[in-house]
């Protein structure tokens, strides 16, 4: 029986990738550096910001320019992404989360965002109340796809991996789930394509959030 559902945030619960691309662009403009292509930015979503900017700037993670870019991104995140949050929630998410919680499934978020921005985005989107635990990349030493984020959620809630499922839109989420011993649901409406998601061998693949709920419902699971 499924007792815990762990969700990724960007591209899984909230259609934030397009707003995130704009925020990256604003950070690059402020740095005075040519913007990378939108597709290049989207390819980094799901990675911690430091790693994403290091890849896009072709710098080491420890480089001062990477640190400056991250600070700029966080500033623009508050003015670009958060105001749009209520309109970015994917169809069926709020209703589905309420259904799962009422059915006795514990809900958590494991994200590559830092805890503060993740909490702010969930709150702005009207979703924070559904989650017992939110784990950000700054609360672990090894972010996704390492299993640590999932293991921290399990420890916080006193549950075991065999009763947990990870839901995400990137291979980082699915690989984390496998390494942590969890089953997984890949959603095809986010960042990674169905073909990319298949390489991580998810337990289930779905095209909408109501389909996620159907797999996680205590009645059907």
N, C-alpha and C. Protein backbone atom coordinates (compact mmCIF):
# COMPACT_ATOMS: atom_id res chain seq x y z
N UNK A 1 0.84 -1.20 0.00
CA UNK A 1 0.00 0.00 0.00
C UNK A 1 0.88 1.25 0.00
N UNK A 2 0.49 2.24 -0.76
CA UNK A 2 1.22 3.50 -0.81
C UNK A 2 0.83 4.37 0.38
N UNK A 3 1.80 4.74 1.18
CA UNK A 3 1.53 5.58 2.35
C UNK A 3 2.15 6.97 2.21
N UNK A 4 3.05 7.14 1.22
CA UNK A 4 3.73 8.42 1.03
C UNK A 4 3.93 8.71 -0.45
N UNK A 5 3.59 9.92 -0.85
CA UNK A 5 3.87 10.40 -2.20
C UNK A 5 4.80 11.59 -2.10
N UNK A 6 5.96 11.48 -2.75
CA UNK A 6 6.95 12.56 -2.75
C UNK A 6 6.94 13.19 -4.14
N UNK A 7 6.78 14.50 -4.18
CA UNK A 7 6.65 15.19 -5.46
C UNK A 7 7.83 16.11 -5.72
N UNK A 8 8.25 16.14 -6.98
CA UNK A 8 9.08 17.23 -7.46
C UNK A 8 8.19 18.45 -7.55
N UNK A 9 8.78 19.63 -7.70
CA UNK A 9 7.99 20.86 -7.74
C UNK A 9 7.87 21.42 -9.15
N UNK A 10 8.96 21.94 -9.69
CA UNK A 10 8.94 22.58 -11.01
C UNK A 10 8.68 21.56 -12.11
N UNK A 11 7.62 21.80 -12.90
CA UNK A 11 7.32 20.90 -14.00
C UNK A 11 6.49 19.70 -13.60
N UNK A 12 6.23 19.55 -12.30
CA UNK A 12 5.43 18.43 -11.80
C UNK A 12 4.14 18.92 -11.16
N UNK A 13 4.28 19.87 -10.24
CA UNK A 13 3.11 20.48 -9.60
C UNK A 13 2.76 21.82 -10.23
N UNK A 14 3.79 22.55 -10.60
CA UNK A 14 3.63 23.92 -11.11
C UNK A 14 4.34 24.05 -12.44
N UNK A 15 3.67 24.68 -13.40
CA UNK A 15 4.25 24.89 -14.73
C UNK A 15 5.19 26.09 -14.70
N UNK A 16 6.20 25.97 -13.86
CA UNK A 16 7.15 27.07 -13.67
C UNK A 16 8.31 27.09 -14.66
N UNK A 17 8.60 26.01 -15.42
CA UNK A 17 9.75 26.06 -16.32
C UNK A 17 9.78 27.27 -17.25
N UNK A 18 8.64 27.67 -17.84
CA UNK A 18 8.69 28.82 -18.75
C UNK A 18 9.01 30.11 -18.00
N UNK A 19 8.52 30.23 -16.76
CA UNK A 19 8.86 31.41 -15.96
C UNK A 19 10.32 31.34 -15.49
N UNK A 20 10.80 30.12 -15.24
CA UNK A 20 12.18 29.94 -14.83
C UNK A 20 13.13 30.36 -15.94
N UNK A 21 12.79 30.01 -17.19
CA UNK A 21 13.62 30.41 -18.33
C UNK A 21 13.74 31.93 -18.39
N UNK A 22 12.62 32.62 -18.17
CA UNK A 22 12.65 34.08 -18.17
C UNK A 22 13.51 34.62 -17.04
N UNK A 23 13.48 33.96 -15.90
CA UNK A 23 14.28 34.40 -14.75
C UNK A 23 15.77 34.19 -15.01
N UNK A 24 16.12 33.07 -15.62
CA UNK A 24 17.52 32.86 -16.01
C UNK A 24 17.95 33.96 -16.97
N UNK A 25 17.08 34.29 -17.94
CA UNK A 25 17.42 35.33 -18.91
C UNK A 25 17.68 36.66 -18.24
N UNK A 26 16.85 37.02 -17.25
CA UNK A 26 17.04 38.28 -16.54
C UNK A 26 18.37 38.28 -15.78
N UNK A 27 18.74 37.14 -15.23
CA UNK A 27 20.01 37.04 -14.52
C UNK A 27 21.19 37.21 -15.47
N UNK A 28 21.10 36.59 -16.64
CA UNK A 28 22.18 36.74 -17.62
C UNK A 28 22.26 38.18 -18.12
N UNK A 29 21.12 38.83 -18.32
CA UNK A 29 21.13 40.23 -18.73
C UNK A 29 21.82 41.11 -17.68
N UNK A 30 21.50 40.85 -16.41
CA UNK A 30 22.10 41.63 -15.34
C UNK A 30 23.60 41.39 -15.21
N UNK A 31 24.01 40.19 -15.57
CA UNK A 31 25.45 39.87 -15.57
C UNK A 31 26.18 40.51 -16.75
N UNK A 32 25.41 40.91 -17.77
CA UNK A 32 26.03 41.43 -18.99
C UNK A 32 26.58 40.33 -19.86
N UNK A 33 25.97 39.15 -19.76
CA UNK A 33 26.40 37.97 -20.51
C UNK A 33 25.28 37.58 -21.48
N UNK A 34 25.65 37.14 -22.66
CA UNK A 34 24.66 36.73 -23.65
C UNK A 34 23.78 35.60 -23.11
N UNK A 35 22.48 35.75 -23.29
CA UNK A 35 21.55 34.71 -22.84
C UNK A 35 21.79 33.41 -23.60
N UNK A 36 21.75 32.27 -22.91
CA UNK A 36 21.77 30.99 -23.63
C UNK A 36 20.41 30.74 -24.26
N UNK A 37 20.36 29.80 -25.16
CA UNK A 37 19.09 29.44 -25.79
C UNK A 37 18.12 28.90 -24.74
N UNK A 38 16.84 29.15 -24.97
CA UNK A 38 15.83 28.69 -24.02
C UNK A 38 15.90 27.18 -23.80
N UNK A 39 16.15 26.43 -24.86
CA UNK A 39 16.24 24.97 -24.73
C UNK A 39 17.41 24.56 -23.84
N UNK A 40 18.50 25.32 -23.91
CA UNK A 40 19.65 25.01 -23.06
C UNK A 40 19.32 25.24 -21.60
N UNK A 41 18.56 26.30 -21.33
CA UNK A 41 18.16 26.58 -19.95
C UNK A 41 17.20 25.49 -19.46
N UNK A 42 16.23 25.15 -20.27
CA UNK A 42 15.25 24.12 -19.87
C UNK A 42 15.94 22.80 -19.56
N UNK A 43 17.02 22.52 -20.27
CA UNK A 43 17.74 21.26 -20.05
C UNK A 43 18.38 21.20 -18.67
N UNK A 44 18.58 22.35 -18.03
CA UNK A 44 19.20 22.36 -16.70
C UNK A 44 18.18 22.34 -15.57
N UNK A 45 16.89 22.50 -15.89
CA UNK A 45 15.87 22.53 -14.84
C UNK A 45 15.82 21.16 -14.17
N UNK A 46 15.82 21.19 -12.86
CA UNK A 46 15.91 19.95 -12.09
C UNK A 46 17.26 19.80 -11.42
N UNK A 47 18.23 20.60 -11.87
CA UNK A 47 19.55 20.63 -11.24
C UNK A 47 19.59 21.77 -10.22
N UNK A 48 20.43 21.67 -9.19
CA UNK A 48 20.63 22.81 -8.30
C UNK A 48 21.11 24.02 -9.10
N UNK A 49 20.75 25.23 -8.66
CA UNK A 49 21.08 26.44 -9.41
C UNK A 49 22.57 26.56 -9.69
N UNK A 50 23.40 26.24 -8.72
CA UNK A 50 24.84 26.37 -8.91
C UNK A 50 25.32 25.51 -10.08
N UNK A 51 24.83 24.30 -10.15
CA UNK A 51 25.24 23.40 -11.25
C UNK A 51 24.68 23.89 -12.58
N UNK A 52 23.44 24.39 -12.55
CA UNK A 52 22.82 24.88 -13.78
C UNK A 52 23.60 26.07 -14.35
N UNK A 53 23.89 27.05 -13.51
CA UNK A 53 24.63 28.22 -13.99
C UNK A 53 26.06 27.86 -14.38
N UNK A 54 26.68 26.93 -13.67
CA UNK A 54 28.03 26.51 -14.03
C UNK A 54 28.04 25.92 -15.44
N UNK A 55 27.04 25.11 -15.75
CA UNK A 55 26.96 24.52 -17.08
C UNK A 55 26.72 25.59 -18.15
N UNK A 56 25.78 26.50 -17.87
CA UNK A 56 25.40 27.50 -18.86
C UNK A 56 26.49 28.55 -19.06
N UNK A 57 27.22 28.85 -18.00
CA UNK A 57 28.31 29.84 -18.08
C UNK A 57 29.64 29.21 -18.46
N UNK A 58 29.66 27.87 -18.47
CA UNK A 58 30.88 27.10 -18.74
C UNK A 58 31.97 27.50 -17.74
N UNK A 59 31.57 27.49 -16.48
CA UNK A 59 32.47 27.80 -15.38
C UNK A 59 32.45 26.66 -14.36
N UNK A 60 33.42 26.67 -13.45
CA UNK A 60 33.38 25.75 -12.33
C UNK A 60 32.29 26.21 -11.36
N UNK A 61 31.72 25.26 -10.63
CA UNK A 61 30.64 25.58 -9.69
C UNK A 61 31.09 26.63 -8.68
N UNK A 62 32.38 26.59 -8.31
CA UNK A 62 32.90 27.49 -7.28
C UNK A 62 33.25 28.88 -7.82
N UNK A 63 33.10 29.12 -9.12
CA UNK A 63 33.50 30.39 -9.73
C UNK A 63 32.63 31.53 -9.19
N UNK A 64 33.25 32.70 -9.01
CA UNK A 64 32.53 33.86 -8.46
C UNK A 64 31.37 34.29 -9.35
N UNK A 65 31.51 34.14 -10.66
CA UNK A 65 30.42 34.54 -11.56
C UNK A 65 29.19 33.65 -11.38
N UNK A 66 29.42 32.38 -11.07
CA UNK A 66 28.31 31.46 -10.80
C UNK A 66 27.57 31.90 -9.53
N UNK A 67 28.31 32.25 -8.51
CA UNK A 67 27.69 32.71 -7.26
C UNK A 67 26.89 33.98 -7.49
N UNK A 68 27.43 34.90 -8.29
CA UNK A 68 26.72 36.14 -8.59
C UNK A 68 25.44 35.86 -9.37
N UNK A 69 25.51 34.95 -10.32
CA UNK A 69 24.34 34.60 -11.12
C UNK A 69 23.24 34.00 -10.26
N UNK A 70 23.62 33.17 -9.30
CA UNK A 70 22.63 32.56 -8.41
C UNK A 70 21.93 33.63 -7.58
N UNK A 71 22.69 34.58 -7.06
CA UNK A 71 22.09 35.66 -6.27
C UNK A 71 21.12 36.48 -7.12
N UNK A 72 21.51 36.78 -8.35
CA UNK A 72 20.64 37.54 -9.24
C UNK A 72 19.37 36.75 -9.56
N UNK A 73 19.53 35.47 -9.82
CA UNK A 73 18.38 34.63 -10.10
C UNK A 73 17.38 34.68 -8.95
N UNK A 74 17.87 34.53 -7.74
CA UNK A 74 16.97 34.52 -6.58
C UNK A 74 16.24 35.84 -6.43
N UNK A 75 16.91 36.94 -6.76
CA UNK A 75 16.25 38.24 -6.69
C UNK A 75 15.13 38.33 -7.72
N UNK A 76 15.42 37.92 -8.95
CA UNK A 76 14.42 38.00 -10.01
C UNK A 76 13.30 36.98 -9.84
N UNK A 77 13.59 35.86 -9.18
CA UNK A 77 12.58 34.83 -8.93
C UNK A 77 11.39 35.43 -8.19
N UNK A 78 11.67 36.31 -7.22
CA UNK A 78 10.60 36.90 -6.42
C UNK A 78 9.69 37.82 -7.24
N UNK A 79 10.25 38.42 -8.28
CA UNK A 79 9.44 39.39 -9.05
C UNK A 79 8.88 38.81 -10.35
N UNK A 80 9.49 37.72 -10.83
CA UNK A 80 9.04 37.13 -12.10
C UNK A 80 8.16 35.91 -11.88
N UNK A 81 8.60 34.98 -11.04
CA UNK A 81 7.91 33.70 -10.89
C UNK A 81 6.78 33.76 -9.87
N UNK A 82 7.05 34.25 -8.68
CA UNK A 82 6.06 34.19 -7.61
C UNK A 82 4.73 34.86 -7.96
N UNK A 83 4.74 36.04 -8.60
CA UNK A 83 3.44 36.66 -8.92
C UNK A 83 2.59 35.81 -9.88
N UNK A 84 3.23 34.95 -10.67
CA UNK A 84 2.49 34.11 -11.62
C UNK A 84 2.02 32.79 -11.02
N UNK A 85 2.50 32.47 -9.84
CA UNK A 85 2.34 31.13 -9.28
C UNK A 85 0.90 30.60 -9.29
N UNK A 86 -0.10 31.37 -8.88
CA UNK A 86 -1.46 30.81 -8.87
C UNK A 86 -1.93 30.34 -10.24
N UNK A 87 -1.43 30.98 -11.29
CA UNK A 87 -1.86 30.62 -12.65
C UNK A 87 -1.01 29.52 -13.27
N UNK A 88 0.03 29.10 -12.56
CA UNK A 88 0.96 28.11 -13.10
C UNK A 88 0.70 26.69 -12.60
N UNK A 89 -0.21 26.54 -11.65
CA UNK A 89 -0.51 25.21 -11.11
C UNK A 89 -1.14 24.35 -12.20
N UNK A 90 -0.60 23.15 -12.39
CA UNK A 90 -1.12 22.27 -13.43
C UNK A 90 -2.55 21.84 -13.12
N UNK A 91 -3.36 21.60 -14.14
CA UNK A 91 -4.76 21.18 -13.94
C UNK A 91 -4.85 19.93 -13.07
N UNK A 92 -5.75 19.99 -12.10
CA UNK A 92 -6.02 18.83 -11.26
C UNK A 92 -5.11 18.67 -10.07
N UNK A 93 -4.09 19.51 -9.92
CA UNK A 93 -3.12 19.33 -8.84
C UNK A 93 -3.76 19.55 -7.47
N UNK A 94 -4.39 20.70 -7.25
CA UNK A 94 -4.95 21.00 -5.94
C UNK A 94 -6.00 19.95 -5.54
N UNK A 95 -6.87 19.63 -6.48
CA UNK A 95 -7.91 18.65 -6.20
C UNK A 95 -7.31 17.27 -5.93
N UNK A 96 -6.29 16.91 -6.71
CA UNK A 96 -5.65 15.61 -6.55
C UNK A 96 -4.92 15.48 -5.23
N UNK A 97 -4.21 16.52 -4.84
CA UNK A 97 -3.51 16.49 -3.56
C UNK A 97 -4.49 16.36 -2.40
N UNK A 98 -5.59 17.10 -2.48
CA UNK A 98 -6.61 17.01 -1.44
C UNK A 98 -7.17 15.60 -1.36
N UNK A 99 -7.41 14.98 -2.51
CA UNK A 99 -7.96 13.62 -2.55
C UNK A 99 -6.99 12.63 -1.92
N UNK A 100 -5.71 12.75 -2.26
CA UNK A 100 -4.71 11.84 -1.69
C UNK A 100 -4.59 12.01 -0.19
N UNK A 101 -4.54 13.25 0.26
CA UNK A 101 -4.40 13.50 1.70
C UNK A 101 -5.62 12.97 2.46
N UNK A 102 -6.79 13.20 1.91
CA UNK A 102 -8.01 12.69 2.56
C UNK A 102 -8.04 11.16 2.58
N UNK A 103 -7.33 10.54 1.62
CA UNK A 103 -7.26 9.09 1.58
C UNK A 103 -6.19 8.51 2.48
N UNK A 104 -5.48 9.37 3.21
CA UNK A 104 -4.49 8.89 4.17
C UNK A 104 -3.08 8.79 3.64
N UNK A 105 -2.82 9.33 2.44
CA UNK A 105 -1.46 9.33 1.88
C UNK A 105 -0.73 10.58 2.37
N UNK A 106 0.42 10.39 3.00
CA UNK A 106 1.26 11.53 3.40
C UNK A 106 1.90 12.14 2.16
N UNK A 107 2.01 13.47 2.14
CA UNK A 107 2.53 14.16 0.97
C UNK A 107 3.78 14.96 1.33
N UNK A 108 4.77 14.92 0.43
CA UNK A 108 6.02 15.65 0.64
C UNK A 108 6.54 16.18 -0.68
N UNK A 109 7.44 17.12 -0.61
CA UNK A 109 8.12 17.66 -1.79
C UNK A 109 9.62 17.48 -1.60
N UNK A 110 10.29 17.00 -2.64
CA UNK A 110 11.75 16.94 -2.68
C UNK A 110 12.18 17.66 -3.95
N UNK A 111 12.83 18.80 -3.81
CA UNK A 111 13.11 19.66 -4.95
C UNK A 111 14.58 20.07 -5.02
N UNK A 112 15.00 20.44 -6.20
CA UNK A 112 16.36 20.96 -6.39
C UNK A 112 16.43 22.45 -6.05
N UNK A 113 15.29 23.07 -5.79
CA UNK A 113 15.29 24.44 -5.28
C UNK A 113 15.78 24.45 -3.83
N UNK A 114 16.27 25.58 -3.36
CA UNK A 114 16.53 25.73 -1.94
C UNK A 114 15.19 25.76 -1.23
N UNK A 115 15.21 25.46 0.06
CA UNK A 115 13.96 25.35 0.81
C UNK A 115 13.16 26.65 0.78
N UNK A 116 13.81 27.79 0.98
CA UNK A 116 13.11 29.07 1.03
C UNK A 116 12.31 29.37 -0.22
N UNK A 117 12.94 29.37 -1.41
CA UNK A 117 12.19 29.60 -2.65
C UNK A 117 11.12 28.54 -2.91
N UNK A 118 11.41 27.29 -2.57
CA UNK A 118 10.41 26.24 -2.77
C UNK A 118 9.18 26.49 -1.90
N UNK A 119 9.41 26.82 -0.66
CA UNK A 119 8.32 27.10 0.26
C UNK A 119 7.52 28.32 -0.21
N UNK A 120 8.24 29.33 -0.69
CA UNK A 120 7.58 30.55 -1.18
C UNK A 120 6.73 30.25 -2.41
N UNK A 121 7.24 29.42 -3.33
CA UNK A 121 6.49 29.09 -4.53
C UNK A 121 5.25 28.27 -4.20
N UNK A 122 5.39 27.28 -3.32
CA UNK A 122 4.23 26.48 -2.92
C UNK A 122 3.18 27.34 -2.24
N UNK A 123 3.63 28.27 -1.39
CA UNK A 123 2.70 29.15 -0.70
C UNK A 123 1.99 30.06 -1.68
N UNK A 124 2.74 30.67 -2.60
CA UNK A 124 2.15 31.57 -3.59
C UNK A 124 1.18 30.83 -4.50
N UNK A 125 1.45 29.56 -4.76
CA UNK A 125 0.58 28.75 -5.63
C UNK A 125 -0.63 28.20 -4.90
N UNK A 126 -0.68 28.38 -3.57
CA UNK A 126 -1.80 27.88 -2.78
C UNK A 126 -1.73 26.40 -2.48
N UNK A 127 -0.51 25.82 -2.51
CA UNK A 127 -0.35 24.37 -2.33
C UNK A 127 0.38 23.97 -1.05
N UNK A 128 0.96 24.91 -0.34
CA UNK A 128 1.84 24.56 0.77
C UNK A 128 1.14 23.73 1.85
N UNK A 129 -0.12 24.00 2.09
CA UNK A 129 -0.85 23.33 3.18
C UNK A 129 -0.95 21.83 3.01
N UNK A 130 -0.78 21.34 1.78
CA UNK A 130 -0.95 19.91 1.54
C UNK A 130 0.26 19.08 1.97
N UNK A 131 1.39 19.70 2.18
CA UNK A 131 2.63 18.94 2.35
C UNK A 131 3.14 18.94 3.79
N UNK A 132 3.37 17.74 4.28
CA UNK A 132 3.91 17.59 5.64
C UNK A 132 5.39 17.95 5.69
N UNK A 133 6.10 17.73 4.60
CA UNK A 133 7.55 17.96 4.55
C UNK A 133 7.91 18.55 3.19
N UNK A 134 8.79 19.54 3.21
CA UNK A 134 9.38 20.09 1.99
C UNK A 134 10.89 20.08 2.17
N UNK A 135 11.58 19.34 1.32
CA UNK A 135 13.04 19.22 1.40
C UNK A 135 13.66 19.92 0.20
N UNK A 136 14.51 20.90 0.47
CA UNK A 136 15.21 21.63 -0.58
C UNK A 136 16.64 21.15 -0.73
N UNK A 137 17.28 21.61 -1.81
CA UNK A 137 18.65 21.16 -2.10
C UNK A 137 19.64 21.62 -1.04
N UNK A 138 19.31 22.70 -0.31
CA UNK A 138 20.21 23.18 0.74
C UNK A 138 20.07 22.40 2.04
N UNK A 139 19.16 21.42 2.07
CA UNK A 139 18.97 20.61 3.27
C UNK A 139 19.61 19.23 3.14
N UNK A 140 20.31 19.00 2.04
CA UNK A 140 21.03 17.75 1.83
C UNK A 140 22.43 18.07 1.35
N UNK A 141 23.32 17.12 1.50
CA UNK A 141 24.68 17.31 0.99
C UNK A 141 24.82 16.86 -0.45
N UNK A 142 23.91 15.97 -0.89
CA UNK A 142 23.95 15.45 -2.26
C UNK A 142 22.54 15.52 -2.85
N UNK A 143 22.24 16.53 -3.67
CA UNK A 143 20.90 16.68 -4.25
C UNK A 143 20.60 15.58 -5.28
N UNK A 144 19.36 15.60 -5.76
CA UNK A 144 18.96 14.67 -6.83
C UNK A 144 19.94 14.74 -8.00
N UNK A 145 20.26 13.60 -8.60
CA UNK A 145 19.62 12.29 -8.50
C UNK A 145 20.10 11.39 -7.37
N UNK A 146 20.95 11.89 -6.48
CA UNK A 146 21.34 11.11 -5.32
C UNK A 146 20.09 10.81 -4.48
N UNK A 147 20.04 9.68 -3.80
CA UNK A 147 18.84 9.32 -3.04
C UNK A 147 18.66 10.08 -1.73
N UNK A 148 19.62 10.93 -1.35
CA UNK A 148 19.57 11.53 -0.02
C UNK A 148 18.28 12.30 0.24
N UNK A 149 17.80 13.07 -0.74
CA UNK A 149 16.57 13.85 -0.52
C UNK A 149 15.40 12.94 -0.15
N UNK A 150 15.26 11.85 -0.88
CA UNK A 150 14.19 10.90 -0.58
C UNK A 150 14.37 10.26 0.78
N UNK A 151 15.60 9.93 1.13
CA UNK A 151 15.86 9.30 2.42
C UNK A 151 15.55 10.25 3.57
N UNK A 152 15.84 11.55 3.38
CA UNK A 152 15.52 12.53 4.41
C UNK A 152 14.02 12.62 4.63
N UNK A 153 13.25 12.62 3.53
CA UNK A 153 11.78 12.64 3.65
C UNK A 153 11.31 11.41 4.43
N UNK A 154 11.80 10.23 4.07
CA UNK A 154 11.40 9.01 4.76
C UNK A 154 11.73 9.08 6.25
N UNK A 155 12.92 9.56 6.57
CA UNK A 155 13.33 9.67 7.97
C UNK A 155 12.44 10.64 8.74
N UNK A 156 12.13 11.78 8.11
CA UNK A 156 11.31 12.80 8.78
C UNK A 156 9.92 12.24 9.12
N UNK A 157 9.38 11.41 8.23
CA UNK A 157 8.02 10.91 8.40
C UNK A 157 7.97 9.51 9.01
N UNK A 158 9.13 8.91 9.22
CA UNK A 158 9.18 7.59 9.84
C UNK A 158 8.57 6.50 8.98
N UNK A 159 8.77 6.60 7.66
CA UNK A 159 8.22 5.62 6.73
C UNK A 159 9.34 4.91 5.98
N UNK A 160 9.01 3.81 5.30
CA UNK A 160 10.00 3.05 4.55
C UNK A 160 9.78 3.21 3.05
N UNK A 161 10.83 3.00 2.29
CA UNK A 161 10.80 3.22 0.84
C UNK A 161 9.77 2.34 0.14
N UNK A 162 9.53 1.15 0.65
CA UNK A 162 8.60 0.24 -0.03
C UNK A 162 7.18 0.78 -0.05
N UNK A 163 6.87 1.73 0.83
CA UNK A 163 5.53 2.32 0.89
C UNK A 163 5.49 3.71 0.26
N UNK A 164 6.57 4.10 -0.43
CA UNK A 164 6.67 5.46 -0.97
C UNK A 164 6.79 5.45 -2.49
N UNK A 165 6.30 6.54 -3.09
CA UNK A 165 6.40 6.73 -4.54
C UNK A 165 6.87 8.15 -4.80
N UNK A 166 7.81 8.29 -5.73
CA UNK A 166 8.30 9.60 -6.16
C UNK A 166 7.62 9.97 -7.47
N UNK A 167 7.16 11.22 -7.56
CA UNK A 167 6.51 11.71 -8.77
C UNK A 167 7.33 12.86 -9.33
N UNK A 168 7.77 12.76 -10.58
CA UNK A 168 8.59 13.82 -11.14
C UNK A 168 8.58 13.87 -12.64
N UNK A 169 9.11 14.97 -13.17
CA UNK A 169 9.09 15.19 -14.62
C UNK A 169 10.47 15.11 -15.24
N UNK A 170 11.49 14.73 -14.45
CA UNK A 170 12.84 14.60 -15.00
C UNK A 170 13.46 13.27 -14.58
N UNK A 171 14.48 12.88 -15.30
CA UNK A 171 15.20 11.65 -14.93
C UNK A 171 15.88 11.79 -13.58
N UNK A 172 16.21 13.03 -13.17
CA UNK A 172 16.83 13.24 -11.85
C UNK A 172 15.89 12.71 -10.75
N UNK A 173 14.60 12.98 -10.90
CA UNK A 173 13.62 12.53 -9.91
C UNK A 173 13.52 11.00 -9.90
N UNK A 174 13.47 10.44 -11.08
CA UNK A 174 13.25 9.00 -11.20
C UNK A 174 14.47 8.20 -10.75
N UNK A 175 15.65 8.72 -11.06
CA UNK A 175 16.88 8.04 -10.62
C UNK A 175 17.03 8.13 -9.11
N UNK A 176 16.62 9.26 -8.52
CA UNK A 176 16.64 9.39 -7.07
C UNK A 176 15.73 8.34 -6.45
N UNK A 177 14.53 8.21 -7.03
CA UNK A 177 13.58 7.24 -6.50
C UNK A 177 14.14 5.83 -6.53
N UNK A 178 14.71 5.46 -7.67
CA UNK A 178 15.26 4.10 -7.78
C UNK A 178 16.37 3.86 -6.77
N UNK A 179 17.26 4.85 -6.64
CA UNK A 179 18.38 4.69 -5.71
C UNK A 179 17.91 4.61 -4.26
N UNK A 180 16.77 5.25 -3.97
CA UNK A 180 16.24 5.25 -2.61
C UNK A 180 15.33 4.05 -2.35
N UNK A 181 15.07 3.24 -3.39
CA UNK A 181 14.22 2.07 -3.23
C UNK A 181 12.74 2.35 -3.36
N UNK A 182 12.40 3.51 -3.92
CA UNK A 182 10.99 3.88 -4.11
C UNK A 182 10.52 3.51 -5.51
N UNK A 183 9.21 3.33 -5.64
CA UNK A 183 8.60 3.30 -6.96
C UNK A 183 8.50 4.73 -7.49
N UNK A 184 8.17 4.88 -8.76
CA UNK A 184 8.15 6.24 -9.32
C UNK A 184 7.07 6.40 -10.37
N UNK A 185 6.59 7.63 -10.48
CA UNK A 185 5.66 8.02 -11.54
C UNK A 185 6.32 9.12 -12.35
N UNK A 186 6.49 8.91 -13.64
CA UNK A 186 7.04 9.93 -14.54
C UNK A 186 5.89 10.67 -15.20
N UNK A 187 5.91 12.00 -15.12
CA UNK A 187 4.89 12.81 -15.78
C UNK A 187 5.49 13.40 -17.06
N UNK A 188 4.75 13.27 -18.15
CA UNK A 188 5.30 13.65 -19.46
C UNK A 188 5.02 15.10 -19.82
N UNK A 189 4.31 15.84 -18.97
CA UNK A 189 3.93 17.21 -19.30
C UNK A 189 4.94 18.25 -18.80
N UNK A 190 6.08 17.79 -18.26
CA UNK A 190 7.06 18.72 -17.70
C UNK A 190 8.25 18.94 -18.60
N UNK A 191 9.45 18.87 -18.03
CA UNK A 191 10.68 19.26 -18.72
C UNK A 191 11.20 18.16 -19.65
N UNK A 192 11.32 16.95 -19.16
CA UNK A 192 11.90 15.88 -19.96
C UNK A 192 10.84 15.17 -20.79
N UNK A 193 11.22 14.76 -21.99
CA UNK A 193 10.31 14.07 -22.89
C UNK A 193 10.04 12.65 -22.39
N UNK A 194 9.01 12.04 -22.96
CA UNK A 194 8.68 10.67 -22.60
C UNK A 194 9.85 9.73 -22.89
N UNK A 195 10.55 9.99 -24.00
CA UNK A 195 11.71 9.15 -24.35
C UNK A 195 12.82 9.29 -23.32
N UNK A 196 13.09 10.52 -22.88
CA UNK A 196 14.11 10.73 -21.85
C UNK A 196 13.71 10.06 -20.55
N UNK A 197 12.47 10.23 -20.16
CA UNK A 197 11.99 9.64 -18.91
C UNK A 197 12.10 8.12 -18.94
N UNK A 198 11.86 7.53 -20.09
CA UNK A 198 11.90 6.07 -20.20
C UNK A 198 13.28 5.51 -19.89
N UNK A 199 14.33 6.30 -20.11
CA UNK A 199 15.69 5.82 -19.85
C UNK A 199 15.92 5.56 -18.37
N UNK A 200 15.12 6.20 -17.51
CA UNK A 200 15.26 6.01 -16.06
C UNK A 200 14.34 4.92 -15.53
N UNK A 201 13.60 4.26 -16.43
CA UNK A 201 12.76 3.11 -16.10
C UNK A 201 11.80 3.38 -14.94
N UNK A 202 10.91 4.35 -15.09
CA UNK A 202 9.92 4.61 -14.04
C UNK A 202 8.93 3.46 -13.90
N UNK A 203 8.30 3.38 -12.75
CA UNK A 203 7.29 2.34 -12.54
C UNK A 203 6.07 2.59 -13.41
N UNK A 204 5.65 3.86 -13.47
CA UNK A 204 4.50 4.25 -14.28
C UNK A 204 4.84 5.52 -15.05
N UNK A 205 4.20 5.70 -16.18
CA UNK A 205 4.32 6.92 -16.98
C UNK A 205 2.91 7.46 -17.21
N UNK A 206 2.72 8.76 -16.94
CA UNK A 206 1.38 9.34 -17.10
C UNK A 206 1.48 10.67 -17.85
N UNK A 207 0.34 11.11 -18.35
CA UNK A 207 0.29 12.34 -19.14
C UNK A 207 -0.45 13.48 -18.44
N UNK A 208 -1.00 13.23 -17.26
CA UNK A 208 -1.74 14.27 -16.55
C UNK A 208 -1.71 14.00 -15.05
N UNK A 209 -2.02 15.03 -14.27
CA UNK A 209 -2.00 14.84 -12.82
C UNK A 209 -3.12 13.93 -12.33
N UNK A 210 -4.32 14.00 -12.88
CA UNK A 210 -5.33 13.03 -12.45
C UNK A 210 -4.88 11.58 -12.63
N UNK A 211 -4.05 11.31 -13.64
CA UNK A 211 -3.51 9.95 -13.81
C UNK A 211 -2.53 9.62 -12.68
N UNK A 212 -1.78 10.62 -12.22
CA UNK A 212 -0.91 10.41 -11.07
C UNK A 212 -1.74 9.95 -9.88
N UNK A 213 -2.80 10.68 -9.62
CA UNK A 213 -3.67 10.38 -8.47
C UNK A 213 -4.26 8.99 -8.58
N UNK A 214 -4.63 8.59 -9.79
CA UNK A 214 -5.20 7.26 -9.99
C UNK A 214 -4.22 6.16 -9.57
N UNK A 215 -2.93 6.36 -9.83
CA UNK A 215 -1.94 5.36 -9.46
C UNK A 215 -1.63 5.39 -7.96
N UNK A 216 -1.75 6.55 -7.34
CA UNK A 216 -1.38 6.69 -5.93
C UNK A 216 -2.53 6.51 -4.97
N UNK A 217 -3.74 6.49 -5.46
CA UNK A 217 -4.90 6.37 -4.58
C UNK A 217 -4.84 5.08 -3.78
N UNK A 218 -5.09 5.16 -2.46
CA UNK A 218 -5.07 3.95 -1.64
C UNK A 218 -6.06 2.89 -2.11
N UNK A 219 -7.08 3.33 -2.82
CA UNK A 219 -8.09 2.38 -3.30
C UNK A 219 -7.54 1.50 -4.42
N UNK A 220 -6.67 2.11 -5.27
CA UNK A 220 -6.19 1.39 -6.45
C UNK A 220 -4.75 0.92 -6.32
N UNK A 221 -3.99 1.54 -5.41
CA UNK A 221 -2.56 1.22 -5.32
C UNK A 221 -2.32 -0.17 -4.74
